N, C-alpha and C. Protein backbone atom coordinates (compact mmCIF):
# COMPACT_ATOMS: atom_id res chain seq x y z
N MET A 1 128.92 361.37 122.30
CA MET A 1 127.87 362.22 121.77
C MET A 1 126.60 361.99 122.58
N SER A 2 125.71 362.95 122.48
CA SER A 2 124.44 362.83 123.19
C SER A 2 123.32 363.30 122.27
N LEU A 3 122.11 363.20 122.80
CA LEU A 3 120.94 363.59 122.03
C LEU A 3 121.02 365.05 121.64
N ASP A 4 120.66 365.35 120.41
CA ASP A 4 120.63 366.72 119.91
C ASP A 4 119.84 367.59 120.89
N PRO A 5 120.41 368.70 121.36
CA PRO A 5 119.73 369.55 122.33
C PRO A 5 118.36 370.07 121.85
N ALA A 6 118.21 370.27 120.54
CA ALA A 6 116.92 370.74 120.01
C ALA A 6 115.86 369.67 120.18
N ILE A 7 116.23 368.40 120.01
CA ILE A 7 115.28 367.30 120.22
C ILE A 7 115.01 367.14 121.71
N ALA A 8 116.07 367.14 122.51
CA ALA A 8 115.93 366.99 123.96
C ALA A 8 115.01 368.05 124.55
N ALA A 9 115.09 369.27 124.04
CA ALA A 9 114.26 370.37 124.55
C ALA A 9 112.78 370.14 124.27
N ARG A 10 112.45 369.35 123.26
CA ARG A 10 111.04 369.10 122.90
C ARG A 10 110.41 367.99 123.74
N LEU A 11 111.23 367.17 124.40
CA LEU A 11 110.71 366.02 125.13
C LEU A 11 110.11 366.42 126.48
N LYS A 12 108.97 365.83 126.77
CA LYS A 12 108.36 365.96 128.10
C LYS A 12 108.46 364.58 128.74
N ARG A 13 109.29 364.47 129.77
CA ARG A 13 109.60 363.19 130.38
C ARG A 13 108.79 362.97 131.66
N THR A 14 108.68 361.69 132.05
CA THR A 14 108.09 361.35 133.34
C THR A 14 109.06 361.79 134.43
N ALA A 15 108.66 361.66 135.67
CA ALA A 15 109.52 362.05 136.79
C ALA A 15 110.84 361.28 136.79
N ASP A 16 110.85 360.06 136.24
CA ASP A 16 112.07 359.28 136.19
C ASP A 16 112.83 359.44 134.86
N GLY A 17 112.46 360.46 134.08
CA GLY A 17 113.21 360.81 132.87
C GLY A 17 112.87 360.02 131.63
N LEU A 18 111.72 359.34 131.64
CA LEU A 18 111.37 358.47 130.53
C LEU A 18 110.24 359.04 129.68
N VAL A 19 110.19 358.58 128.43
CA VAL A 19 109.13 358.94 127.49
C VAL A 19 108.61 357.63 126.90
N PRO A 20 107.27 357.44 126.84
CA PRO A 20 106.76 356.23 126.20
C PRO A 20 107.06 356.25 124.71
N ALA A 21 107.38 355.06 124.19
CA ALA A 21 107.70 354.91 122.77
C ALA A 21 106.83 353.80 122.20
N VAL A 22 106.05 354.14 121.19
CA VAL A 22 105.19 353.18 120.51
C VAL A 22 105.90 352.72 119.24
N ALA A 23 106.00 351.40 119.08
CA ALA A 23 106.59 350.84 117.86
C ALA A 23 105.46 350.38 116.95
N GLN A 24 105.52 350.81 115.69
CA GLN A 24 104.49 350.52 114.70
C GLN A 24 105.17 349.97 113.45
N GLN A 25 104.59 348.92 112.87
CA GLN A 25 105.13 348.38 111.61
C GLN A 25 104.97 349.45 110.53
N TYR A 26 106.06 349.81 109.88
CA TYR A 26 106.07 350.96 108.99
C TYR A 26 105.15 350.83 107.78
N ASP A 27 104.98 349.62 107.24
CA ASP A 27 104.24 349.49 106.00
C ASP A 27 102.77 349.10 106.17
N THR A 28 102.41 348.54 107.32
CA THR A 28 101.02 348.12 107.55
C THR A 28 100.29 348.98 108.57
N GLY A 29 101.05 349.71 109.39
CA GLY A 29 100.44 350.51 110.45
C GLY A 29 100.13 349.71 111.70
N GLU A 30 100.44 348.42 111.70
CA GLU A 30 100.17 347.57 112.86
C GLU A 30 100.94 348.07 114.08
N VAL A 31 100.24 348.27 115.20
CA VAL A 31 100.88 348.69 116.44
C VAL A 31 101.50 347.45 117.08
N LEU A 32 102.79 347.50 117.33
CA LEU A 32 103.53 346.33 117.79
C LEU A 32 103.72 346.29 119.30
N MET A 33 104.14 347.38 119.88
CA MET A 33 104.47 347.37 121.30
C MET A 33 104.64 348.79 121.84
N LEU A 34 104.69 348.87 123.15
CA LEU A 34 105.01 350.11 123.86
C LEU A 34 106.21 349.81 124.75
N ALA A 35 107.17 350.70 124.75
CA ALA A 35 108.34 350.57 125.62
C ALA A 35 108.70 351.98 126.09
N TRP A 36 109.82 352.10 126.75
CA TRP A 36 110.24 353.39 127.32
C TRP A 36 111.61 353.77 126.83
N MET A 37 111.80 355.08 126.64
CA MET A 37 113.09 355.61 126.22
C MET A 37 113.46 356.79 127.12
N ASP A 38 114.75 356.93 127.35
CA ASP A 38 115.26 358.17 127.90
C ASP A 38 116.08 358.84 126.79
N ASP A 39 116.74 359.92 127.11
CA ASP A 39 117.49 360.65 126.08
C ASP A 39 118.54 359.75 125.41
N GLU A 40 119.25 358.96 126.22
CA GLU A 40 120.30 358.11 125.67
C GLU A 40 119.72 357.03 124.75
N ALA A 41 118.62 356.41 125.13
CA ALA A 41 118.00 355.38 124.29
C ALA A 41 117.55 355.98 122.96
N LEU A 42 116.98 357.18 123.01
CA LEU A 42 116.57 357.83 121.77
C LEU A 42 117.78 358.18 120.92
N HIS A 43 118.82 358.68 121.54
CA HIS A 43 120.06 358.99 120.81
C HIS A 43 120.61 357.74 120.13
N ARG A 44 120.68 356.63 120.86
CA ARG A 44 121.19 355.39 120.28
C ARG A 44 120.32 354.92 119.12
N THR A 45 119.01 355.05 119.27
CA THR A 45 118.08 354.65 118.21
C THR A 45 118.31 355.47 116.95
N LEU A 46 118.43 356.79 117.13
CA LEU A 46 118.61 357.68 115.98
C LEU A 46 119.95 357.48 115.30
N THR A 47 120.98 357.10 116.04
CA THR A 47 122.31 356.98 115.45
C THR A 47 122.61 355.59 114.91
N THR A 48 121.91 354.56 115.41
CA THR A 48 122.20 353.19 114.95
C THR A 48 121.13 352.64 114.00
N GLY A 49 119.91 353.20 114.04
CA GLY A 49 118.83 352.66 113.23
C GLY A 49 118.22 351.40 113.81
N ARG A 50 118.61 351.04 115.02
CA ARG A 50 118.05 349.90 115.75
C ARG A 50 117.32 350.43 116.97
N ALA A 51 116.12 349.93 117.21
CA ALA A 51 115.32 350.39 118.34
C ALA A 51 115.99 350.01 119.65
N THR A 52 116.29 351.03 120.45
CA THR A 52 116.93 350.85 121.75
C THR A 52 116.02 351.44 122.81
N TYR A 53 115.76 350.68 123.85
CA TYR A 53 114.83 351.09 124.90
C TYR A 53 115.50 351.02 126.26
N TRP A 54 114.83 351.62 127.25
CA TRP A 54 115.26 351.51 128.64
C TRP A 54 114.34 350.51 129.32
N SER A 55 114.90 349.46 129.88
CA SER A 55 114.12 348.46 130.59
C SER A 55 113.94 348.91 132.03
N ARG A 56 112.71 349.22 132.40
CA ARG A 56 112.44 349.64 133.77
C ARG A 56 112.64 348.49 134.75
N SER A 57 112.32 347.27 134.34
CA SER A 57 112.44 346.13 135.25
C SER A 57 113.91 345.72 135.46
N ARG A 58 114.71 345.79 134.40
CA ARG A 58 116.12 345.39 134.51
C ARG A 58 117.05 346.56 134.82
N GLY A 59 116.56 347.79 134.61
CA GLY A 59 117.40 348.96 134.86
C GLY A 59 118.57 349.07 133.91
N GLU A 60 118.33 348.73 132.63
CA GLU A 60 119.41 348.80 131.65
C GLU A 60 118.84 349.01 130.25
N TYR A 61 119.71 349.41 129.33
CA TYR A 61 119.31 349.58 127.94
C TYR A 61 119.22 348.21 127.28
N TRP A 62 118.30 348.11 126.33
CA TRP A 62 118.23 346.89 125.52
C TRP A 62 117.91 347.26 124.08
N VAL A 63 118.64 346.63 123.19
CA VAL A 63 118.43 346.81 121.77
C VAL A 63 117.50 345.68 121.33
N LYS A 64 116.33 346.04 120.83
CA LYS A 64 115.34 345.05 120.45
C LYS A 64 115.94 344.06 119.46
N GLY A 65 115.92 342.79 119.83
CA GLY A 65 116.41 341.74 118.96
C GLY A 65 117.80 341.23 119.27
N ASP A 66 118.56 341.89 120.13
CA ASP A 66 119.92 341.44 120.41
C ASP A 66 119.96 340.03 121.00
N THR A 67 118.99 339.68 121.82
CA THR A 67 118.98 338.33 122.39
C THR A 67 117.98 337.42 121.68
N SER A 68 116.89 337.97 121.20
CA SER A 68 115.83 337.15 120.59
C SER A 68 115.99 336.98 119.08
N GLY A 69 116.69 337.89 118.44
CA GLY A 69 116.77 337.89 116.98
C GLY A 69 115.59 338.60 116.33
N HIS A 70 114.65 339.08 117.14
CA HIS A 70 113.45 339.77 116.64
C HIS A 70 113.73 341.28 116.57
N VAL A 71 114.45 341.65 115.56
CA VAL A 71 115.01 343.00 115.41
C VAL A 71 113.98 344.00 114.93
N GLN A 72 114.13 345.23 115.39
CA GLN A 72 113.35 346.35 114.87
C GLN A 72 114.31 347.30 114.16
N HIS A 73 114.23 347.33 112.82
CA HIS A 73 114.99 348.29 112.03
C HIS A 73 114.14 349.54 111.91
N VAL A 74 114.64 350.64 112.40
CA VAL A 74 113.87 351.88 112.47
C VAL A 74 113.87 352.57 111.11
N LYS A 75 112.66 352.88 110.65
CA LYS A 75 112.48 353.59 109.38
C LYS A 75 112.29 355.09 109.61
N SER A 76 111.58 355.45 110.70
CA SER A 76 111.39 356.87 111.03
C SER A 76 111.04 357.00 112.51
N VAL A 77 111.28 358.18 113.03
CA VAL A 77 110.96 358.50 114.42
C VAL A 77 110.26 359.85 114.43
N ALA A 78 109.18 359.92 115.21
CA ALA A 78 108.44 361.18 115.32
C ALA A 78 108.03 361.41 116.76
N LEU A 79 107.91 362.68 117.12
CA LEU A 79 107.36 363.06 118.43
C LEU A 79 105.93 363.51 118.22
N ASP A 80 105.08 363.24 119.20
CA ASP A 80 103.71 363.75 119.10
C ASP A 80 103.72 365.25 119.37
N CYS A 81 102.55 365.88 119.22
CA CYS A 81 102.45 367.34 119.30
C CYS A 81 102.87 367.89 120.66
N ASP A 82 102.74 367.10 121.72
CA ASP A 82 103.12 367.56 123.06
C ASP A 82 104.54 367.18 123.44
N GLY A 83 105.19 366.36 122.64
CA GLY A 83 106.55 365.92 122.96
C GLY A 83 106.59 364.89 124.08
N ASP A 84 105.44 364.27 124.38
CA ASP A 84 105.43 363.31 125.48
C ASP A 84 105.25 361.86 125.03
N THR A 85 105.32 361.61 123.74
CA THR A 85 105.28 360.25 123.22
C THR A 85 106.12 360.19 121.94
N ILE A 86 106.85 359.10 121.80
CA ILE A 86 107.68 358.87 120.63
C ILE A 86 107.02 357.78 119.79
N LEU A 87 106.97 357.99 118.48
CA LEU A 87 106.47 356.97 117.56
C LEU A 87 107.62 356.50 116.70
N LEU A 88 107.90 355.19 116.78
CA LEU A 88 108.92 354.59 115.93
C LEU A 88 108.21 353.76 114.87
N LYS A 89 108.47 354.06 113.62
CA LYS A 89 107.99 353.21 112.54
C LYS A 89 109.16 352.29 112.20
N VAL A 90 108.90 350.99 112.33
CA VAL A 90 109.97 350.00 112.24
C VAL A 90 109.62 348.91 111.24
N ASP A 91 110.65 348.20 110.82
CA ASP A 91 110.47 346.96 110.09
C ASP A 91 110.80 345.86 111.08
N GLN A 92 109.76 345.19 111.57
CA GLN A 92 109.89 344.18 112.62
C GLN A 92 110.23 342.83 112.01
N THR A 93 111.28 342.20 112.52
CA THR A 93 111.63 340.83 112.16
C THR A 93 111.15 339.93 113.29
N GLY A 94 110.24 338.99 112.99
CA GLY A 94 109.75 338.08 114.02
C GLY A 94 108.78 338.76 114.97
N ALA A 95 108.67 338.19 116.15
CA ALA A 95 107.72 338.66 117.16
C ALA A 95 108.20 339.96 117.80
N ALA A 96 107.27 340.86 118.06
CA ALA A 96 107.61 342.08 118.78
C ALA A 96 107.45 341.88 120.28
N CYS A 97 106.54 341.00 120.68
CA CYS A 97 106.22 340.81 122.09
C CYS A 97 107.11 339.74 122.72
N HIS A 98 107.44 339.95 123.99
CA HIS A 98 108.27 338.98 124.70
C HIS A 98 107.57 337.62 124.89
N THR A 99 106.24 337.57 124.66
CA THR A 99 105.50 336.32 124.76
C THR A 99 105.64 335.47 123.50
N GLY A 100 106.22 336.05 122.45
CA GLY A 100 106.35 335.35 121.18
C GLY A 100 105.28 335.73 120.17
N ASP A 101 104.32 336.57 120.59
CA ASP A 101 103.28 337.03 119.68
C ASP A 101 103.83 338.12 118.76
N ARG A 102 103.23 338.25 117.61
CA ARG A 102 103.64 339.27 116.64
C ARG A 102 103.60 340.66 117.27
N THR A 103 102.53 340.95 118.02
CA THR A 103 102.37 342.25 118.67
C THR A 103 101.98 342.03 120.12
N CYS A 104 102.27 342.99 120.94
CA CYS A 104 101.90 342.91 122.36
C CYS A 104 100.40 343.12 122.55
N PHE A 105 99.69 343.43 121.49
CA PHE A 105 98.26 343.69 121.59
C PHE A 105 97.43 342.54 121.00
N ASP A 106 98.00 341.33 120.97
CA ASP A 106 97.30 340.15 120.48
C ASP A 106 96.48 339.44 121.56
N ALA A 107 96.50 339.93 122.79
CA ALA A 107 95.83 339.23 123.89
C ALA A 107 94.32 339.31 123.83
N GLY A 108 93.78 340.07 122.90
CA GLY A 108 92.33 340.15 122.75
C GLY A 108 91.81 341.53 123.05
N GLU A 109 90.75 341.85 122.39
CA GLU A 109 90.12 343.16 122.56
C GLU A 109 89.20 343.15 123.76
N LEU A 110 89.06 344.31 124.37
CA LEU A 110 88.13 344.49 125.47
C LEU A 110 86.79 344.93 124.92
N THR A 111 85.74 344.61 125.63
CA THR A 111 84.39 344.97 125.21
C THR A 111 84.10 346.42 125.57
N VAL A 112 83.57 347.16 124.61
CA VAL A 112 83.19 348.55 124.84
C VAL A 112 81.67 348.61 124.76
N ASN A 113 81.07 349.08 125.84
CA ASN A 113 79.62 349.25 125.86
C ASN A 113 79.31 350.69 125.48
N SER A 114 78.62 350.86 124.38
CA SER A 114 78.28 352.23 123.96
C SER A 114 76.81 352.48 124.28
N ALA A 115 76.53 353.71 124.64
CA ALA A 115 75.16 354.07 125.03
C ALA A 115 74.30 354.34 123.81
């Protein structure tokens, strides 16, 4: 099986066939991480309920938590208005970031100078 053609038709992909996917904790709204999906990764996510991404560095699919135990159980999936970003609302077990942090955005905020 493959991704539903109606969903595939809505996606706007990068030149290498990928769409950014933002993972957000479903009940708190906490932004956990950004990863990449192609049609197959999205299809696997929708059919298994486990977040599946395309690893650009390794050139392979990875199911979040298969090696770390830090699983993302998908509660819902949405496309933005342009079809160029995927939002996954997940129930995150353990750290979302490969550094061991809860979220990939724990490294600190940048300073914004407002006029």
